[in-house]
């Protein structure tokens, strides 16, 4: 029997009830035998350290119904939306998925119309009084009449664009998001769904009673048991990097241009906290998300040559019996080298940036992230019960 796979590009930061609902809907709507998640590693798209490490999040995802979790490398995960989407599409196509499912506020958006009106001149958005995102969205709205400002709508559009540019290897499946908006900061008193932002805030505050209603029991157990991380934990390391580095060296790092390297260095010494630092460097030109990605590039010493490669390997983080069977099915045809155990060659070669990203996390948690680690394995019977509405 040939297994058919549906893919999801995710961060699972952390895995919550909305994610479990999405996995169930993907199975219902596609009839897929296997659900594959291309999941960010230890740093996520907003330029933040993941709350839990990639192994802990992969385990929660497999317990929650995902069959196979592969790592979206740092070179794609820690990127603006268009590069994040391109890396995820490439990874899911390489692993043989037929469908790409994603949550969005407006599943009926006309992606073809939006793509037909993309600007051909990159200088269209070279202004310093507004963010790139605002200028881009405003341009598309003026050309098409389509408002593209909700976070998941924007990401959905870039999934469609990446899929088109890569030859349409995946069939798109936009799904209506359930529950609160992407950046809602609080958990509603009733209901089973909350934003990942609100869940992270509650987890860092230890508000377990609120979390119990909106995350699976396996996720709640991990949040209570495992060490959680946020930028505050990494601030002393970043601050040292900025204070001790020469501006010319900072300029060599990814996306540190237009003089932002001077601004980051000046703000580091007087800023007592990471939040103070962010407020000091914020301008109309740069969003907090972009500044956080730039801060992460400094901390990880990420070079342009490392960050502009796209996925170069397929790192398996976790699976159940179905996912393992699917890996066996595709192992001779998969479009990228399969890595199930990181060795020294991987660390020194294509995996060097991800190994560094993991090592920085190890400085905080003491848990080794890469060398010698093997995928987490769950029997299919360990899946979360799919009784969510």
Protein backbone atom coordinates (compact mmCIF):
# COMPACT_ATOMS: atom_id res chain seq x y z
CA UNK A 1 0.00 0.00 0.00
CA UNK A 2 1.31 3.42 -1.00
CA UNK A 3 0.80 6.02 1.72
CA UNK A 4 -0.34 9.52 0.76
CA UNK A 5 0.97 12.44 2.81
CA UNK A 6 -0.36 15.88 3.66
CA UNK A 7 2.04 18.53 4.95
CA UNK A 8 1.84 21.37 7.44
CA UNK A 9 4.48 24.09 7.94
CA UNK A 10 4.50 24.81 11.66
CA UNK A 11 6.29 26.07 14.73
CA UNK A 12 4.18 24.34 17.40
CA UNK A 13 5.41 26.91 19.89
CA UNK A 14 3.82 25.15 21.70
CA UNK A 15 1.45 22.51 20.24
CA UNK A 16 -2.09 23.48 21.30
CA UNK A 17 -5.73 22.53 20.71
CA UNK A 18 -5.91 24.59 17.51
CA UNK A 19 -3.06 22.54 16.08
CA UNK A 20 -4.71 19.26 17.08
CA UNK A 21 -7.93 20.43 15.39
CA UNK A 22 -6.02 21.34 12.23
CA UNK A 23 -4.35 17.91 12.05
CA UNK A 24 -7.73 16.20 12.36
CA UNK A 25 -9.30 18.41 9.68
CA UNK A 26 -6.42 17.75 7.30
CA UNK A 27 -7.03 14.01 7.58
CA UNK A 28 -10.78 14.43 7.09
CA UNK A 29 -10.53 16.71 4.06
CA UNK A 30 -7.67 15.01 2.19
CA UNK A 31 -7.99 11.37 3.22
CA UNK A 32 -4.22 11.42 3.74
CA UNK A 33 -2.65 8.42 5.44
CA UNK A 34 0.18 10.50 6.86
CA UNK A 35 0.43 14.04 8.26
CA UNK A 36 3.93 15.52 8.01
CA UNK A 37 4.95 18.69 9.85
CA UNK A 38 7.91 20.78 8.71
CA UNK A 39 8.63 22.42 12.07
CA UNK A 40 11.00 25.23 13.03
CA UNK A 41 13.92 24.18 15.19
CA UNK A 42 15.16 26.02 18.27
CA UNK A 43 14.54 29.53 16.85
CA UNK A 44 11.26 30.60 15.30
CA UNK A 45 10.16 32.93 12.54
CA UNK A 46 9.47 35.94 14.79
CA UNK A 47 13.11 35.95 15.84
CA UNK A 48 12.49 34.34 19.22
CA UNK A 49 13.90 31.29 20.97
CA UNK A 50 11.31 28.52 21.02
CA UNK A 51 9.55 28.06 24.36
CA UNK A 52 10.45 24.34 24.36
CA UNK A 53 13.27 22.80 22.37
CA UNK A 54 12.69 21.13 19.02
CA UNK A 55 12.71 17.58 20.44
CA UNK A 56 10.18 18.42 23.15
CA UNK A 57 7.92 20.15 20.61
CA UNK A 58 8.26 17.28 18.13
CA UNK A 59 7.24 14.82 20.85
CA UNK A 60 4.18 16.93 21.73
CA UNK A 61 3.22 17.13 18.03
CA UNK A 62 3.46 13.37 17.49
CA UNK A 63 1.50 12.74 20.70
CA UNK A 64 -1.07 15.21 19.31
CA UNK A 65 -1.64 13.38 16.01
CA UNK A 66 1.20 14.32 13.64
CA UNK A 67 2.83 11.23 12.12
CA UNK A 68 6.20 12.65 11.09
CA UNK A 69 8.06 15.80 12.16
CA UNK A 70 11.01 17.09 10.14
CA UNK A 71 13.05 20.15 11.03
CA UNK A 72 12.70 23.37 9.07
CA UNK A 73 16.35 24.51 9.21
CA UNK A 74 17.30 27.79 10.83
CA UNK A 75 18.21 29.18 7.40
CA UNK A 76 14.50 29.03 6.52
CA UNK A 77 12.85 29.23 9.95
CA UNK A 78 14.48 32.48 11.07
CA UNK A 79 13.39 34.45 8.02
CA UNK A 80 10.80 36.90 6.68
CA UNK A 81 7.54 35.29 5.56
CA UNK A 82 8.48 34.77 1.89
CA UNK A 83 11.69 32.87 2.71
CA UNK A 84 10.07 30.97 5.58
CA UNK A 85 7.32 29.84 3.20
CA UNK A 86 9.75 28.95 0.41
CA UNK A 87 11.79 26.74 2.73
CA UNK A 88 8.73 24.98 4.09
CA UNK A 89 7.30 24.28 0.64
CA UNK A 90 10.66 22.94 -0.57
CA UNK A 91 10.93 20.64 2.44
CA UNK A 92 7.40 19.23 2.15
CA UNK A 93 7.78 18.71 -1.59
CA UNK A 94 11.09 16.92 -1.00
CA UNK A 95 9.45 14.55 1.46
CA UNK A 96 6.75 13.68 -1.07
CA UNK A 97 3.69 15.43 0.33
CA UNK A 98 0.67 15.87 -1.97
CA UNK A 99 -1.07 18.61 0.00
CA UNK A 100 -0.03 21.69 1.95
CA UNK A 101 -2.60 22.62 4.61
CA UNK A 102 -2.47 25.90 6.51
CA UNK A 103 -4.69 27.94 8.78
CA UNK A 104 -5.78 31.36 7.58
CA UNK A 105 -8.29 34.03 8.56
CA UNK A 106 -9.76 34.13 5.01
CA UNK A 107 -9.47 30.76 3.21
CA UNK A 108 -11.18 32.13 0.09
CA UNK A 109 -8.49 34.73 -0.75
CA UNK A 110 -7.76 35.01 -4.48
CA UNK A 111 -4.07 34.10 -4.46
CA UNK A 112 -3.86 34.12 -8.27
CA UNK A 113 -5.04 37.73 -8.41
CA UNK A 114 -2.57 38.77 -5.75
CA UNK A 115 0.31 36.99 -7.50
CA UNK A 116 -0.61 38.61 -10.81
CA UNK A 117 -0.11 42.07 -9.27
CA UNK A 118 3.24 41.62 -7.54
CA UNK A 119 5.52 44.62 -8.15
CA UNK A 120 8.39 44.06 -10.55
CA UNK A 121 10.52 46.90 -9.14
CA UNK A 122 12.09 46.04 -5.75
CA UNK A 123 12.67 49.74 -5.01
CA UNK A 124 8.88 50.12 -4.65
CA UNK A 125 9.30 49.54 -0.92
CA UNK A 126 12.58 51.37 -0.23
CA UNK A 127 11.27 53.98 2.20
CA UNK A 128 12.28 54.70 5.76
CA UNK A 129 9.06 56.12 7.22
CA UNK A 130 7.11 52.85 7.08
CA UNK A 131 7.87 49.16 7.45
CA UNK A 132 8.37 46.98 4.39
CA UNK A 133 5.30 44.95 5.34
CA UNK A 134 3.04 48.01 5.47
CA UNK A 135 4.25 49.25 2.09
CA UNK A 136 3.90 45.80 0.51
CA UNK A 137 0.38 45.26 1.84
CA UNK A 138 -0.69 48.76 0.84
CA UNK A 139 0.58 48.24 -2.69
CA UNK A 140 -1.30 44.97 -3.16
CA UNK A 141 -4.48 46.49 -1.73
CA UNK A 142 -4.28 49.40 -4.17
CA UNK A 143 -3.74 47.04 -7.10
CA UNK A 144 -6.26 44.32 -6.26
CA UNK A 145 -8.69 45.68 -3.67
CA UNK A 146 -7.74 42.73 -1.46
CA UNK A 147 -6.77 43.55 2.12
CA UNK A 148 -3.87 41.38 3.20
CA UNK A 149 -2.98 42.36 6.77
CA UNK A 150 -3.86 39.41 9.02
CA UNK A 151 -0.75 37.43 9.91
CA UNK A 152 -1.94 34.06 8.65
CA UNK A 153 -3.45 35.54 5.49
CA UNK A 154 -0.04 36.99 4.64
CA UNK A 155 1.70 33.70 5.33
CA UNK A 156 -0.92 31.82 3.30
CA UNK A 157 -0.28 34.09 0.33
CA UNK A 158 3.46 33.44 0.55
CA UNK A 159 2.81 29.68 0.71
CA UNK A 160 0.83 30.01 -2.51
CA UNK A 161 3.55 32.14 -4.09
CA UNK A 162 6.35 29.76 -3.05
CA UNK A 163 4.38 26.79 -4.34
CA UNK A 164 3.82 28.52 -7.70
CA UNK A 165 7.48 29.50 -8.04
CA UNK A 166 8.55 25.92 -7.30
CA UNK A 167 6.26 24.47 -9.98
CA UNK A 168 3.13 23.79 -7.91
CA UNK A 169 4.34 20.54 -6.32
CA UNK A 170 1.67 20.75 -3.58
CA UNK A 171 -2.10 21.11 -3.63
CA UNK A 172 -3.04 24.00 -1.33
CA UNK A 173 -5.61 23.44 1.41
CA UNK A 174 -6.43 26.73 3.22
CA UNK A 175 -8.32 26.07 6.47
CA UNK A 176 -10.36 28.52 8.51
CA UNK A 177 -8.54 29.24 11.76
CA UNK A 178 -10.37 28.35 14.96
CA UNK A 179 -10.58 30.57 18.01
CA UNK A 180 -8.69 33.74 18.81
CA UNK A 181 -6.58 35.91 16.55
CA UNK A 182 -2.91 35.14 15.97
CA UNK A 183 -1.53 37.76 18.37
CA UNK A 184 -4.27 37.85 21.02
CA UNK A 185 -2.43 38.28 24.30
CA UNK A 186 -4.95 36.70 26.68
CA UNK A 187 -6.81 33.42 27.01
CA UNK A 188 -10.60 33.69 27.01
CA UNK A 189 -12.38 32.45 30.11
CA UNK A 190 -14.34 29.93 28.05
CA UNK A 191 -13.50 27.84 25.00
CA UNK A 192 -10.83 25.37 23.92
CA UNK A 193 -8.71 27.59 21.68
CA UNK A 194 -6.22 30.39 22.29
CA UNK A 195 -3.40 32.05 20.37
CA UNK A 196 0.13 30.71 20.73
CA UNK A 197 1.12 34.19 21.95
CA UNK A 198 -1.36 34.01 24.84
CA UNK A 199 -0.35 30.44 25.62
CA UNK A 200 3.34 31.34 25.82
CA UNK A 201 2.56 34.29 28.09
CA UNK A 202 0.52 32.08 30.42
CA UNK A 203 3.17 29.33 30.42
CA UNK A 204 5.98 31.72 31.34
CA UNK A 205 3.77 33.04 34.14
CA UNK A 206 2.98 29.50 35.34
CA UNK A 207 -0.77 29.98 34.87
CA UNK A 208 -1.52 26.27 34.50
CA UNK A 209 -5.24 26.53 35.24
CA UNK A 210 -5.81 28.70 32.16
CA UNK A 211 -3.58 26.54 29.99
CA UNK A 212 -5.35 23.29 30.88
CA UNK A 213 -8.36 24.30 28.77
CA UNK A 214 -6.46 25.21 25.59
CA UNK A 215 -3.60 22.72 25.22
CA UNK A 216 -3.53 18.90 25.14
CA UNK A 217 -2.61 17.16 28.38
CA UNK A 218 0.74 16.07 26.89
CA UNK A 219 1.65 19.67 26.10
CA UNK A 220 0.57 20.88 29.54
CA UNK A 221 2.71 18.22 31.19
CA UNK A 222 5.75 19.32 29.19
CA UNK A 223 5.20 23.00 29.90
CA UNK A 224 5.03 22.25 33.63
CA UNK A 225 8.01 19.89 33.62
CA UNK A 226 10.53 21.14 31.06
CA UNK A 227 12.58 24.33 31.16
CA UNK A 228 10.98 27.14 29.17
CA UNK A 229 13.04 29.81 27.44
CA UNK A 230 12.44 33.38 26.24
CA UNK A 231 14.67 36.21 25.01
CA UNK A 232 15.26 37.31 28.60
CA UNK A 233 17.34 34.15 29.15
CA UNK A 234 19.57 34.91 26.17
CA UNK A 235 19.92 38.67 26.73
CA UNK A 236 23.23 38.48 28.68
CA UNK A 237 24.77 36.45 25.82
CA UNK A 238 23.48 38.83 23.14
CA UNK A 239 24.52 41.88 25.14
CA UNK A 240 28.06 40.56 25.43
CA UNK A 241 28.20 39.87 21.70
CA UNK A 242 27.11 43.41 20.85
CA UNK A 243 29.33 45.18 23.39
CA UNK A 244 32.45 43.19 22.53
CA UNK A 245 32.07 43.07 18.73
CA UNK A 246 33.46 45.59 16.30
CA UNK A 247 30.82 47.29 14.13
CA UNK A 248 32.63 46.09 11.00
CA UNK A 249 32.21 42.50 12.18
CA UNK A 250 28.52 43.03 12.97
CA UNK A 251 28.05 44.38 9.46
CA UNK A 252 29.11 40.98 8.08
CA UNK A 253 26.16 39.24 9.75
CA UNK A 254 22.86 38.47 8.07
CA UNK A 255 20.54 41.46 7.49
CA UNK A 256 22.65 43.85 9.55
CA UNK A 257 22.74 46.70 7.06
CA UNK A 258 21.54 50.27 6.56
CA UNK A 259 23.38 51.28 9.73
CA UNK A 260 21.27 49.12 12.06
CA UNK A 261 24.49 47.55 13.38
CA UNK A 262 25.48 50.90 14.91
CA UNK A 263 22.08 51.29 16.51
CA UNK A 264 22.15 47.79 18.02
CA UNK A 265 25.65 48.25 19.43
CA UNK A 266 24.87 51.66 20.97
CA UNK A 267 21.74 50.38 22.68
CA UNK A 268 23.24 47.23 24.19
CA UNK A 269 25.26 48.63 27.09
CA UNK A 270 22.63 50.94 28.67
CA UNK A 271 19.77 48.44 28.20
CA UNK A 272 19.23 46.40 31.36
CA UNK A 273 16.76 43.98 29.76
CA UNK A 274 15.98 42.65 26.31
CA UNK A 275 12.67 44.54 26.36
CA UNK A 276 14.54 47.79 27.09
CA UNK A 277 16.91 47.00 24.23
CA UNK A 278 14.06 46.43 21.77
CA UNK A 279 12.38 49.71 22.70
CA UNK A 280 15.68 51.57 22.29
CA UNK A 281 16.35 50.27 18.76
CA UNK A 282 12.78 50.43 17.40
CA UNK A 283 12.18 52.75 14.42
CA UNK A 284 9.37 53.26 11.93
CA UNK A 285 11.43 51.37 9.37
CA UNK A 286 11.85 48.17 11.39
CA UNK A 287 9.20 45.99 13.03
CA UNK A 288 9.95 44.34 16.36
CA UNK A 289 9.92 41.00 14.54
CA UNK A 290 12.63 42.09 12.13
CA UNK A 291 14.72 43.52 14.96
CA UNK A 292 14.40 40.26 16.88
CA UNK A 293 15.59 38.33 13.81
CA UNK A 294 18.56 40.67 13.55
CA UNK A 295 19.31 40.15 17.23
CA UNK A 296 19.16 36.39 16.69
CA UNK A 297 21.57 36.71 13.76
CA UNK A 298 24.05 38.42 16.10
CA UNK A 299 23.62 35.83 18.83
CA UNK A 300 24.00 32.91 16.40
CA UNK A 301 26.69 34.67 14.35
CA UNK A 302 24.64 33.90 11.24
CA UNK A 303 26.28 34.86 7.94
CA UNK A 304 24.44 35.64 4.68
CA UNK A 305 26.04 32.62 2.99
CA UNK A 306 24.47 30.36 5.64
CA UNK A 307 21.06 32.02 5.70
CA UNK A 308 20.37 32.19 1.97
CA UNK A 309 20.74 28.51 1.14
CA UNK A 310 17.28 27.07 1.82
CA UNK A 311 16.92 23.49 3.12
CA UNK A 312 19.88 21.27 2.19
CA UNK A 313 18.92 18.18 4.18
CA UNK A 314 15.91 16.54 5.79
CA UNK A 315 16.37 16.16 9.55
CA UNK A 316 13.90 13.78 11.19
CA UNK A 317 12.86 14.90 14.69
CA UNK A 318 10.06 12.48 15.53
CA UNK A 319 7.53 9.97 14.23
CA UNK A 320 5.05 7.27 15.11
CA UNK A 321 4.74 3.86 13.41
CA UNK A 322 2.88 5.37 10.46
CA UNK A 323 5.49 8.07 10.01
CA UNK A 324 8.26 5.51 10.19
CA UNK A 325 6.55 3.40 7.51
CA UNK A 326 6.25 6.49 5.32
CA UNK A 327 9.95 7.24 5.73
CA UNK A 328 10.72 3.69 4.62
CA UNK A 329 8.46 4.21 1.58
CA UNK A 330 10.17 7.41 0.41
CA UNK A 331 13.77 6.83 1.47
CA UNK A 332 14.94 6.04 -2.07
CA UNK A 333 13.10 8.93 -3.70
CA UNK A 334 13.23 11.74 -1.13
CA UNK A 335 14.54 14.95 -2.65
CA UNK A 336 17.06 15.84 0.08
CA UNK A 337 19.61 13.83 2.11
CA UNK A 338 17.91 12.18 5.09
CA UNK A 339 19.48 12.81 8.50
CA UNK A 340 18.22 10.69 11.38
CA UNK A 341 21.32 11.06 13.57
CA UNK A 342 23.59 14.12 13.46
CA UNK A 343 27.26 13.20 13.15
CA UNK A 344 30.45 15.26 13.06
CA UNK A 345 30.30 15.69 9.28
CA UNK A 346 26.81 17.20 9.56
CA UNK A 347 27.94 19.49 12.39
CA UNK A 348 30.89 20.79 10.40
CA UNK A 349 29.04 20.93 7.09
CA UNK A 350 25.44 21.64 6.12
CA UNK A 351 24.23 21.46 9.72
CA UNK A 352 26.70 23.98 11.16
CA UNK A 353 24.17 26.80 11.67
CA UNK A 354 21.54 24.53 13.24
CA UNK A 355 24.19 22.96 15.44
CA UNK A 356 25.20 26.46 16.60
CA UNK A 357 21.57 27.40 17.24
CA UNK A 358 21.19 24.30 19.37
CA UNK A 359 24.46 24.86 21.21
CA UNK A 360 23.37 28.37 22.24
CA UNK A 361 20.20 26.87 23.71
CA UNK A 362 22.30 24.26 25.52
CA UNK A 363 24.15 27.11 27.26
CA UNK A 364 20.82 28.01 28.91
CA UNK A 365 19.20 24.61 29.50
CA UNK A 366 22.11 22.18 29.67
CA UNK A 367 20.34 19.82 27.25
CA UNK A 368 22.35 18.76 24.18
CA UNK A 369 20.43 19.41 20.97
CA UNK A 370 22.12 17.78 18.03
CA UNK A 371 25.14 15.50 18.08
CA UNK A 372 24.00 11.91 18.52
CA UNK A 373 20.33 12.78 19.02
CA UNK A 374 17.86 10.41 17.33
CA UNK A 375 14.17 10.97 16.48
CA UNK A 376 11.57 10.65 19.20
CA UNK A 377 9.35 7.63 18.58
CA UNK A 378 5.72 7.04 19.61
CA UNK A 379 3.42 4.13 18.80
CA UNK A 380 0.28 5.15 16.91
CA UNK A 381 -1.74 4.18 19.97
CA UNK A 382 -0.12 7.06 21.88
CA UNK A 383 -1.82 9.70 19.75
CA UNK A 384 -4.00 12.27 21.41
CA UNK A 385 -7.65 11.36 21.19
CA UNK A 386 -9.17 13.34 18.30
CA UNK A 387 -12.40 14.44 19.99
CA UNK A 388 -11.86 18.17 19.69
CA UNK A 389 -14.65 19.97 17.85
